[in-house]
Amino acid sequence: MADDGNTAQTRVIANQMFDIWEARQGKKRASWPAWAGLGLSCIGIVFAAGSLRSDVATANTRIDKLEQRADAQDRTATQVNDRLARIETKLDLALEKRR
């Protein structure tokens, strides 16, 4: 059998504990070091993103230059091969005339 006095005391103690907990929750706020840390983290993220973007832009520029060089070398090689083919043809014609 439940004692009404114990139930009332339990209820009073529970209400007091809830009031204390509620008062403590109202006093809690973020401290300035936490805000400073958050600000520094945001600055760090922005800096890292900017640095990464710069690295990507530099890499793209290098790739473009390398592709231009490769194209120029291909054109040069084609011209050299064409000249060699003409020289070989002239030599063949000259050798046939000698015979």
C-alpha atoms as a PDB file:
ATOM      1  CA  MET A   1       0.000   0.000   0.000  1.00  0.00           C
ATOM      2  CA  ALA A   2       1.381   3.398  -1.004  1.00  0.00           C
ATOM      3  CA  ASP A   3       1.843   6.055   1.620  1.00  0.00           C
ATOM      4  CA  ASP A   4       0.352   9.428   0.605  1.00  0.00           C
ATOM      5  CA  GLY A   5       3.057  11.284   2.541  1.00  0.00           C
ATOM      6  CA  ASN A   6       5.857   9.629   0.570  1.00  0.00           C
ATOM      7  CA  THR A   7       4.118  10.399  -2.716  1.00  0.00           C
ATOM      8  CA  ALA A   8       3.747  14.064  -1.781  1.00  0.00           C
ATOM      9  CA  GLN A   9       7.372  14.307  -0.675  1.00  0.00           C
ATOM     10  CA  THR A  10       8.523  12.616  -3.874  1.00  0.00           C
ATOM     11  CA  ARG A  11       6.487  15.066  -5.935  1.00  0.00           C
ATOM     12  CA  VAL A  12       7.941  18.065  -4.041  1.00  0.00           C
ATOM     13  CA  ILE A  13      11.495  16.788  -4.462  1.00  0.00           C
ATOM     14  CA  ALA A  14      10.925  16.144  -8.187  1.00  0.00           C
ATOM     15  CA  ASN A  15       9.542  19.665  -8.663  1.00  0.00           C
ATOM     16  CA  GLN A  16      12.502  21.175  -6.807  1.00  0.00           C
ATOM     17  CA  MET A  17      14.959  19.191  -8.905  1.00  0.00           C
ATOM     18  CA  PHE A  18      13.196  20.282 -12.103  1.00  0.00           C
ATOM     19  CA  ASP A  19      13.268  23.928 -10.976  1.00  0.00           C
ATOM     20  CA  ILE A  20      16.990  23.681 -10.235  1.00  0.00           C
ATOM     21  CA  TRP A  21      17.661  22.028 -13.588  1.00  0.00           C
ATOM     22  CA  GLU A  22      15.600  24.662 -15.429  1.00  0.00           C
ATOM     23  CA  ALA A  23      17.460  27.487 -13.665  1.00  0.00           C
ATOM     24  CA  ARG A  24      20.825  25.998 -14.613  1.00  0.00           C
ATOM     25  CA  GLN A  25      19.787  25.614 -18.271  1.00  0.00           C
ATOM     26  CA  GLY A  26      18.822  29.278 -18.455  1.00  0.00           C
ATOM     27  CA  LYS A  27      22.251  30.365 -17.225  1.00  0.00           C
ATOM     28  CA  LYS A  28      24.199  28.300 -19.757  1.00  0.00           C
ATOM     29  CA  ARG A  29      25.457  30.273 -22.743  1.00  0.00           C
ATOM     30  CA  ALA A  30      28.300  29.764 -25.127  1.00  0.00           C
ATOM     31  CA  SER A  31      31.505  31.320 -23.908  1.00  0.00           C
ATOM     32  CA  TRP A  32      33.641  33.703 -25.941  1.00  0.00           C
ATOM     33  CA  PRO A  33      36.377  31.069 -26.485  1.00  0.00           C
ATOM     34  CA  ALA A  34      33.768  28.824 -28.091  1.00  0.00           C
ATOM     35  CA  TRP A  35      32.677  31.657 -30.395  1.00  0.00           C
ATOM     36  CA  ALA A  36      36.315  32.481 -31.170  1.00  0.00           C
ATOM     37  CA  GLY A  37      36.975  28.848 -32.024  1.00  0.00           C
ATOM     38  CA  LEU A  38      33.963  28.771 -34.291  1.00  0.00           C
ATOM     39  CA  GLY A  39      35.118  31.954 -36.030  1.00  0.00           C
ATOM     40  CA  LEU A  40      38.645  30.604 -36.526  1.00  0.00           C
ATOM     41  CA  SER A  41      37.234  27.362 -37.911  1.00  0.00           C
ATOM     42  CA  CYS A  42      35.141  29.277 -40.436  1.00  0.00           C
ATOM     43  CA  ILE A  43      38.138  31.386 -41.454  1.00  0.00           C
ATOM     44  CA  GLY A  44      40.213  28.223 -41.839  1.00  0.00           C
ATOM     45  CA  ILE A  45      37.593  26.610 -44.061  1.00  0.00           C
ATOM     46  CA  VAL A  46      37.399  29.691 -46.282  1.00  0.00           C
ATOM     47  CA  PHE A  47      41.208  29.897 -46.507  1.00  0.00           C
ATOM     48  CA  ALA A  48      41.507  26.196 -47.383  1.00  0.00           C
ATOM     49  CA  ALA A  49      38.827  26.520 -50.074  1.00  0.00           C
ATOM     50  CA  GLY A  50      40.570  29.547 -51.599  1.00  0.00           C
ATOM     51  CA  SER A  51      43.911  27.796 -51.564  1.00  0.00           C
ATOM     52  CA  LEU A  52      42.452  24.708 -53.214  1.00  0.00           C
ATOM     53  CA  ARG A  53      40.768  26.813 -55.878  1.00  0.00           C
ATOM     54  CA  SER A  54      44.085  28.535 -56.602  1.00  0.00           C
ATOM     55  CA  ASP A  55      45.879  25.186 -56.891  1.00  0.00           C
ATOM     56  CA  VAL A  56      43.264  23.907 -59.329  1.00  0.00           C
ATOM     57  CA  ALA A  57      43.556  27.057 -61.459  1.00  0.00           C
ATOM     58  CA  THR A  58      47.357  26.703 -61.542  1.00  0.00           C
ATOM     59  CA  ALA A  59      47.092  23.044 -62.530  1.00  0.00           C
ATOM     60  CA  ASN A  60      44.656  23.903 -65.340  1.00  0.00           C
ATOM     61  CA  THR A  61      47.053  26.546 -66.675  1.00  0.00           C
ATOM     62  CA  ARG A  62      49.938  24.080 -66.635  1.00  0.00           C
ATOM     63  CA  ILE A  63      47.862  21.440 -68.414  1.00  0.00           C
ATOM     64  CA  ASP A  64      46.866  23.934 -71.123  1.00  0.00           C
ATOM     65  CA  LYS A  65      50.506  24.896 -71.695  1.00  0.00           C
ATOM     66  CA  LEU A  66      51.572  21.250 -71.872  1.00  0.00           C
ATOM     67  CA  GLU A  67      48.822  20.493 -74.394  1.00  0.00           C
ATOM     68  CA  GLN A  68      49.942  23.460 -76.526  1.00  0.00           C
ATOM     69  CA  ARG A  69      53.528  22.201 -76.446  1.00  0.00           C
ATOM     70  CA  ALA A  70      52.429  18.701 -77.424  1.00  0.00           C
ATOM     71  CA  ASP A  71      50.408  20.093 -80.329  1.00  0.00           C
ATOM     72  CA  ALA A  72      53.380  22.162 -81.484  1.00  0.00           C
ATOM     73  CA  GLN A  73      55.653  19.108 -81.308  1.00  0.00           C
ATOM     74  CA  ASP A  74      53.138  17.073 -83.294  1.00  0.00           C
ATOM     75  CA  ARG A  75      53.017  19.756 -85.979  1.00  0.00           C
ATOM     76  CA  THR A  76      56.821  19.916 -86.086  1.00  0.00           C
ATOM     77  CA  ALA A  77      57.085  16.130 -86.348  1.00  0.00           C
ATOM     78  CA  THR A  78      54.551  16.096 -89.176  1.00  0.00           C
ATOM     79  CA  GLN A  79      56.483  18.782 -91.052  1.00  0.00           C
ATOM     80  CA  VAL A  80      59.751  16.876 -90.607  1.00  0.00           C
ATOM     81  CA  ASN A  81      58.143  13.660 -91.834  1.00  0.00           C
ATOM     82  CA  ASP A  82      56.754  15.474 -94.868  1.00  0.00           C
ATOM     83  CA  ARG A  83      60.195  16.880 -95.686  1.00  0.00           C
ATOM     84  CA  LEU A  84      61.784  13.459 -95.286  1.00  0.00           C
ATOM     85  CA  ALA A  85      59.176  11.946 -97.577  1.00  0.00           C
ATOM     86  CA  ARG A  86      59.909  14.601-100.238  1.00  0.00           C
ATOM     87  CA  ILE A  87      63.660  14.037 -99.925  1.00  0.00           C
ATOM     88  CA  GLU A  88      63.187  10.277-100.246  1.00  0.00           C
ATOM     89  CA  THR A  89      61.046  10.784-103.323  1.00  0.00           C
ATOM     90  CA  LYS A  90      63.684  13.049-104.912  1.00  0.00           C
ATOM     91  CA  LEU A  91      66.392  10.508-104.112  1.00  0.00           C
ATOM     92  CA  ASP A  92      64.331   7.717-105.630  1.00  0.00           C
ATOM     93  CA  LEU A  93      63.796   9.757-108.784  1.00  0.00           C
ATOM     94  CA  ALA A  94      67.492  10.648-108.966  1.00  0.00           C
ATOM     95  CA  LEU A  95      68.517   7.029-108.527  1.00  0.00           C
ATOM     96  CA  GLU A  96      66.089   5.890-111.229  1.00  0.00           C
ATOM     97  CA  LYS A  97      67.508   8.454-113.680  1.00  0.00           C
ATOM     98  CA  ARG A  98      71.035   7.135-113.049  1.00  0.00           C
ATOM     99  CA  ARG A  99      70.025   3.629-114.019  1.00  0.00           C
END
